[in-house]
Amino acid sequence: MAKEDRGFASMDRGKQREIASKGGKAAHEKGTAHEWTSEEARDAGRKGGIASHRRRREQAGGPESEDSRPSEMVDPRPSRGDDQPQGPVE
């Protein structure tokens, strides 16, 4: 048997999906599956969007200047830190 004929990656997509689905269901039943918080999901979506737009721009051969790249460190939403008053000021 050749090395490339072994393992999960060599299976057809349907078989991979079936096995992965069973693993996910078992993890949920056992209580060890990761469940995303809304903040984790939002961050993952943001990072995916940044990566997708970056790849699209690179494939199109567009300029990669500092101004054209989205900042990964700056959140455009208003801060909700402790420096903001919480409710009416008395």
N, C-alpha and C. Protein backbone atom coordinates (compact mmCIF):
# COMPACT_ATOMS: atom_id res chain seq x y z
N MET A 1 0.85 -1.18 0.00
CA MET A 1 0.00 0.00 0.00
C MET A 1 0.89 1.24 0.00
N ALA A 2 0.65 2.13 -0.94
CA ALA A 2 1.43 3.35 -1.04
C ALA A 2 1.08 4.30 0.10
N LYS A 3 2.05 5.11 0.50
CA LYS A 3 1.86 6.03 1.61
C LYS A 3 0.70 6.99 1.37
N GLU A 4 0.54 7.45 0.13
CA GLU A 4 -0.52 8.42 -0.17
C GLU A 4 -1.92 7.81 -0.20
N ASP A 5 -2.03 6.48 -0.13
CA ASP A 5 -3.32 5.81 -0.13
C ASP A 5 -3.88 5.58 1.27
N ARG A 6 -3.23 6.13 2.28
CA ARG A 6 -3.66 5.89 3.65
C ARG A 6 -4.22 7.18 4.27
N GLY A 7 -5.06 7.01 5.26
CA GLY A 7 -5.46 8.13 6.10
C GLY A 7 -6.69 8.89 5.64
N PHE A 8 -7.06 9.81 6.51
CA PHE A 8 -8.26 10.61 6.34
C PHE A 8 -8.26 11.43 5.06
N ALA A 9 -7.12 12.04 4.75
CA ALA A 9 -7.05 12.93 3.58
C ALA A 9 -7.22 12.19 2.26
N SER A 10 -6.93 10.89 2.25
CA SER A 10 -7.05 10.14 0.99
C SER A 10 -8.47 9.65 0.73
N MET A 11 -9.36 9.77 1.71
CA MET A 11 -10.75 9.31 1.55
C MET A 11 -11.54 10.29 0.68
N ASP A 12 -12.62 9.80 0.11
CA ASP A 12 -13.47 10.71 -0.65
C ASP A 12 -14.17 11.66 0.33
N ARG A 13 -14.58 12.82 -0.17
CA ARG A 13 -15.15 13.88 0.66
C ARG A 13 -16.38 13.43 1.45
N GLY A 14 -17.22 12.61 0.86
CA GLY A 14 -18.42 12.13 1.55
C GLY A 14 -18.08 11.30 2.78
N LYS A 15 -17.09 10.42 2.63
CA LYS A 15 -16.67 9.58 3.76
C LYS A 15 -16.04 10.44 4.86
N GLN A 16 -15.22 11.41 4.49
CA GLN A 16 -14.62 12.33 5.46
C GLN A 16 -15.71 13.06 6.24
N ARG A 17 -16.69 13.55 5.53
CA ARG A 17 -17.78 14.31 6.15
C ARG A 17 -18.58 13.44 7.13
N GLU A 18 -18.83 12.20 6.72
CA GLU A 18 -19.57 11.27 7.57
C GLU A 18 -18.81 11.01 8.88
N ILE A 19 -17.51 10.76 8.79
CA ILE A 19 -16.71 10.49 9.98
C ILE A 19 -16.62 11.74 10.87
N ALA A 20 -16.40 12.89 10.27
CA ALA A 20 -16.31 14.13 11.04
C ALA A 20 -17.63 14.45 11.73
N SER A 21 -18.72 14.18 11.06
CA SER A 21 -20.04 14.42 11.64
C SER A 21 -20.25 13.55 12.88
N LYS A 22 -19.85 12.29 12.79
CA LYS A 22 -19.97 11.40 13.94
C LYS A 22 -19.13 11.91 15.11
N GLY A 23 -17.94 12.40 14.81
CA GLY A 23 -17.07 12.93 15.87
C GLY A 23 -17.66 14.16 16.53
N GLY A 24 -18.24 15.03 15.73
CA GLY A 24 -18.86 16.23 16.28
C GLY A 24 -20.06 15.91 17.15
N LYS A 25 -20.88 14.97 16.70
CA LYS A 25 -22.05 14.58 17.48
C LYS A 25 -21.63 13.93 18.80
N ALA A 26 -20.60 13.09 18.75
CA ALA A 26 -20.12 12.42 19.96
C ALA A 26 -19.57 13.45 20.96
N ALA A 27 -18.85 14.45 20.46
CA ALA A 27 -18.29 15.48 21.34
C ALA A 27 -19.40 16.29 22.01
N HIS A 28 -20.46 16.60 21.28
CA HIS A 28 -21.58 17.33 21.87
C HIS A 28 -22.29 16.48 22.93
N GLU A 29 -22.48 15.20 22.64
CA GLU A 29 -23.13 14.32 23.61
C GLU A 29 -22.29 14.18 24.88
N LYS A 30 -20.97 14.15 24.71
CA LYS A 30 -20.06 14.01 25.84
C LYS A 30 -19.91 15.33 26.60
N GLY A 31 -20.21 16.44 25.93
CA GLY A 31 -20.10 17.75 26.56
C GLY A 31 -18.73 18.39 26.40
N THR A 32 -17.92 17.89 25.49
CA THR A 32 -16.58 18.44 25.30
C THR A 32 -16.43 19.26 24.02
N ALA A 33 -17.51 19.43 23.28
CA ALA A 33 -17.45 20.18 22.03
C ALA A 33 -17.32 21.67 22.32
N HIS A 34 -16.58 22.37 21.47
CA HIS A 34 -16.44 23.81 21.62
C HIS A 34 -17.70 24.49 21.11
N GLU A 35 -18.25 25.38 21.91
CA GLU A 35 -19.40 26.17 21.47
C GLU A 35 -18.97 27.62 21.44
N TRP A 36 -19.17 28.25 20.30
CA TRP A 36 -18.71 29.61 20.08
C TRP A 36 -19.55 30.61 20.85
N THR A 37 -18.88 31.57 21.48
CA THR A 37 -19.59 32.72 22.03
C THR A 37 -19.82 33.67 20.87
N SER A 38 -20.73 34.63 21.05
CA SER A 38 -20.97 35.57 19.96
C SER A 38 -19.71 36.39 19.67
N GLU A 39 -18.91 36.66 20.68
CA GLU A 39 -17.68 37.43 20.47
C GLU A 39 -16.66 36.61 19.66
N GLU A 40 -16.51 35.33 19.98
CA GLU A 40 -15.59 34.47 19.23
C GLU A 40 -16.04 34.35 17.77
N ALA A 41 -17.33 34.18 17.56
CA ALA A 41 -17.86 34.06 16.20
C ALA A 41 -17.64 35.36 15.42
N ARG A 42 -17.86 36.49 16.07
CA ARG A 42 -17.66 37.79 15.41
C ARG A 42 -16.20 37.97 15.03
N ASP A 43 -15.27 37.64 15.94
CA ASP A 43 -13.84 37.77 15.65
C ASP A 43 -13.42 36.85 14.51
N ALA A 44 -13.93 35.62 14.52
CA ALA A 44 -13.59 34.67 13.45
C ALA A 44 -14.10 35.17 12.10
N GLY A 45 -15.30 35.68 12.07
CA GLY A 45 -15.84 36.22 10.82
C GLY A 45 -15.06 37.42 10.32
N ARG A 46 -14.65 38.27 11.24
CA ARG A 46 -13.87 39.46 10.87
C ARG A 46 -12.53 39.03 10.29
N LYS A 47 -11.85 38.08 10.95
CA LYS A 47 -10.56 37.61 10.46
C LYS A 47 -10.69 36.93 9.11
N GLY A 48 -11.76 36.16 8.92
CA GLY A 48 -11.98 35.51 7.63
C GLY A 48 -12.21 36.52 6.53
N GLY A 49 -12.96 37.56 6.83
CA GLY A 49 -13.21 38.61 5.85
C GLY A 49 -11.94 39.34 5.47
N ILE A 50 -11.10 39.62 6.46
CA ILE A 50 -9.83 40.29 6.19
C ILE A 50 -8.97 39.42 5.29
N ALA A 51 -8.86 38.12 5.61
CA ALA A 51 -8.04 37.21 4.82
C ALA A 51 -8.59 37.07 3.40
N SER A 52 -9.91 36.98 3.27
CA SER A 52 -10.52 36.82 1.95
C SER A 52 -10.26 38.05 1.08
N HIS A 53 -10.44 39.21 1.66
CA HIS A 53 -10.22 40.43 0.88
C HIS A 53 -8.75 40.59 0.52
N ARG A 54 -7.87 40.21 1.42
CA ARG A 54 -6.44 40.29 1.13
C ARG A 54 -6.08 39.36 -0.03
N ARG A 55 -6.60 38.10 0.00
CA ARG A 55 -6.32 37.16 -1.09
C ARG A 55 -6.87 37.67 -2.41
N ARG A 56 -8.08 38.19 -2.37
CA ARG A 56 -8.71 38.69 -3.60
C ARG A 56 -7.88 39.83 -4.19
N ARG A 57 -7.40 40.71 -3.33
CA ARG A 57 -6.60 41.84 -3.79
C ARG A 57 -5.27 41.36 -4.38
N GLU A 58 -4.65 40.35 -3.72
CA GLU A 58 -3.39 39.82 -4.23
C GLU A 58 -3.58 39.13 -5.57
N GLN A 59 -4.67 38.38 -5.74
CA GLN A 59 -4.93 37.69 -7.00
C GLN A 59 -5.19 38.68 -8.13
N ALA A 60 -5.80 39.80 -7.80
CA ALA A 60 -6.10 40.81 -8.81
C ALA A 60 -4.87 41.65 -9.14
N GLY A 61 -3.82 41.49 -8.32
CA GLY A 61 -2.60 42.25 -8.57
C GLY A 61 -2.73 43.69 -8.13
N GLY A 62 -3.67 43.95 -7.23
CA GLY A 62 -3.86 45.31 -6.75
C GLY A 62 -2.74 45.77 -5.85
N PRO A 63 -2.65 47.09 -5.65
CA PRO A 63 -1.59 47.63 -4.80
C PRO A 63 -1.79 47.20 -3.35
N GLU A 64 -0.71 46.98 -2.66
CA GLU A 64 -0.74 46.56 -1.26
C GLU A 64 -0.08 47.66 -0.44
N SER A 65 -0.75 48.78 -0.35
CA SER A 65 -0.20 49.88 0.43
C SER A 65 -0.75 49.83 1.84
N GLU A 66 -0.11 50.56 2.75
CA GLU A 66 -0.57 50.62 4.14
C GLU A 66 -1.99 51.15 4.23
N ASP A 67 -2.33 52.13 3.38
CA ASP A 67 -3.65 52.75 3.44
C ASP A 67 -4.75 51.84 2.93
N SER A 68 -4.42 50.90 2.04
CA SER A 68 -5.47 50.07 1.46
C SER A 68 -5.76 48.82 2.29
N ARG A 69 -4.88 48.49 3.25
CA ARG A 69 -5.10 47.31 4.07
C ARG A 69 -5.98 47.63 5.27
N PRO A 70 -6.94 46.76 5.56
CA PRO A 70 -7.73 46.99 6.77
C PRO A 70 -6.87 46.75 8.00
N SER A 71 -7.03 47.56 9.00
CA SER A 71 -6.26 47.41 10.22
C SER A 71 -6.83 46.27 11.04
N GLU A 72 -5.97 45.35 11.44
CA GLU A 72 -6.42 44.22 12.25
C GLU A 72 -6.46 44.58 13.72
N MET A 73 -5.87 45.68 14.08
CA MET A 73 -5.77 46.02 15.49
C MET A 73 -6.77 47.10 15.93
N VAL A 74 -7.37 47.80 15.02
CA VAL A 74 -8.25 48.90 15.37
C VAL A 74 -9.70 48.48 15.20
N ASP A 75 -10.48 48.67 16.25
CA ASP A 75 -11.91 48.36 16.21
C ASP A 75 -12.65 49.68 15.96
N PRO A 76 -13.37 49.81 14.84
CA PRO A 76 -14.03 51.07 14.51
C PRO A 76 -15.23 51.37 15.41
N ARG A 77 -15.69 50.38 16.17
CA ARG A 77 -16.83 50.60 17.05
C ARG A 77 -16.40 51.41 18.27
N PRO A 78 -17.32 52.16 18.87
CA PRO A 78 -16.98 52.93 20.06
C PRO A 78 -16.53 52.02 21.19
N SER A 79 -15.63 52.53 21.98
CA SER A 79 -15.12 51.77 23.12
C SER A 79 -16.22 51.55 24.14
N ARG A 80 -16.21 50.36 24.77
CA ARG A 80 -17.18 50.08 25.83
C ARG A 80 -16.43 49.76 27.11
N GLY A 81 -15.24 50.35 27.27
CA GLY A 81 -14.39 50.07 28.42
C GLY A 81 -14.87 50.77 29.68
N ASP A 82 -14.11 50.62 30.75
CA ASP A 82 -14.47 51.22 32.04
C ASP A 82 -14.40 52.74 32.03
N ASP A 83 -13.75 53.32 31.03
CA ASP A 83 -13.64 54.77 30.96
C ASP A 83 -14.95 55.43 30.51
N GLN A 84 -15.92 54.64 30.09
CA GLN A 84 -17.21 55.17 29.67
C GLN A 84 -18.22 55.06 30.80
N PRO A 85 -19.00 56.12 31.05
CA PRO A 85 -20.01 56.04 32.11
C PRO A 85 -21.06 54.98 31.77
N GLN A 86 -21.51 54.29 32.78
CA GLN A 86 -22.52 53.25 32.62
C GLN A 86 -23.84 53.73 33.19
N GLY A 87 -24.67 54.32 32.39
CA GLY A 87 -25.98 54.78 32.86
C GLY A 87 -25.96 56.25 33.25
N PRO A 88 -27.03 56.69 33.89
CA PRO A 88 -27.14 58.11 34.24
C PRO A 88 -26.13 58.52 35.30
N VAL A 89 -25.61 59.72 35.14
CA VAL A 89 -24.65 60.27 36.11
C VAL A 89 -25.45 61.05 37.14
N GLU A 90 -25.19 60.78 38.42
CA GLU A 90 -25.92 61.50 39.48
C GLU A 90 -25.13 62.59 40.08
